[in-house]
Structures are given as structure tokens and as C-alpha cells.
Protein backbone atom coordinates (compact mmCIF):
# COMPACT_ATOMS: atom_id res chain seq x y z
CA MET A 1 34.86 33.64 -46.43
CA ALA A 2 35.51 37.13 -45.25
CA GLY A 3 32.63 38.94 -43.64
CA LEU A 4 30.81 35.79 -42.57
CA THR A 5 30.48 34.97 -38.90
CA LEU A 6 29.77 31.64 -37.32
CA ASP A 7 28.67 31.11 -33.73
CA ILE A 8 31.50 28.70 -32.87
CA ALA A 9 30.11 27.78 -29.44
CA GLY A 10 26.69 27.06 -30.91
CA ALA A 11 28.16 25.14 -33.83
CA LEU A 12 30.30 23.03 -31.49
CA ALA A 13 27.26 22.30 -29.36
CA ALA A 14 25.40 21.18 -32.49
CA ALA A 15 28.36 19.02 -33.51
CA ARG A 16 28.34 17.37 -30.09
CA GLU A 17 24.61 16.67 -30.44
CA PHE A 18 25.52 14.70 -33.56
CA SER A 19 28.21 12.90 -31.48
CA ALA A 20 30.95 14.52 -33.56
CA THR A 21 34.27 15.02 -31.81
CA GLY A 22 37.79 15.93 -32.84
CA TRP A 23 38.33 15.96 -36.60
CA ALA A 24 34.69 15.12 -37.30
CA ALA A 25 33.56 18.24 -35.44
CA ALA A 26 36.15 20.35 -37.24
CA GLU A 27 34.99 19.03 -40.62
CA LEU A 28 31.36 19.70 -39.70
CA LEU A 29 32.23 23.29 -38.80
CA LEU A 30 34.14 23.67 -42.06
CA ALA A 31 31.16 22.31 -44.03
CA ILE A 32 28.86 24.80 -42.30
CA ARG A 33 31.23 27.65 -43.09
CA ILE A 34 31.54 26.59 -46.74
CA GLY A 35 27.76 26.38 -47.00
CA MET A 36 27.45 29.88 -45.58
CA THR A 37 29.95 31.16 -48.15
CA GLU A 38 28.21 29.44 -51.06
CA GLY A 39 24.83 30.75 -49.92
CA ALA A 40 26.15 34.30 -49.63
CA THR A 41 27.72 34.04 -53.09
CA ALA A 42 24.49 32.69 -54.62
CA ARG A 43 22.47 35.52 -53.06
CA ARG A 44 24.97 38.10 -54.29
CA GLU A 45 24.88 36.68 -57.82
CA GLY A 46 21.09 36.65 -57.73
CA GLU A 47 21.03 40.33 -56.84
CA THR A 48 23.24 41.34 -59.75
CA THR A 49 21.35 39.45 -62.47
């Protein structure tokens, strides 16, 4: 996940809009971060093939 940045304040605000608090908010942020990583990997693999 190196090199990827996530607007934590914005992501927390989005999590609160979904009524996520505590662990649920943390898991939502983790899912967003994982999605960013997978997307970056897919784009990188698409560039090399």
C-alpha cells in the first residue's frame, strides 16, 4: 500500500454519513484502502501487458 494516500478526514466524514462508528468505520477505511491498492495494481498490470 505504499505510495497511496487517503484523505482520512474525508473518509471518516463519509463513514459517519453511513452511520459507521468505531470498528465499523475502521473497517470501512481499510476496505477503501484495499480497493485503492487493488485498483493501482490492476492499472499497473494493464500498462505492462
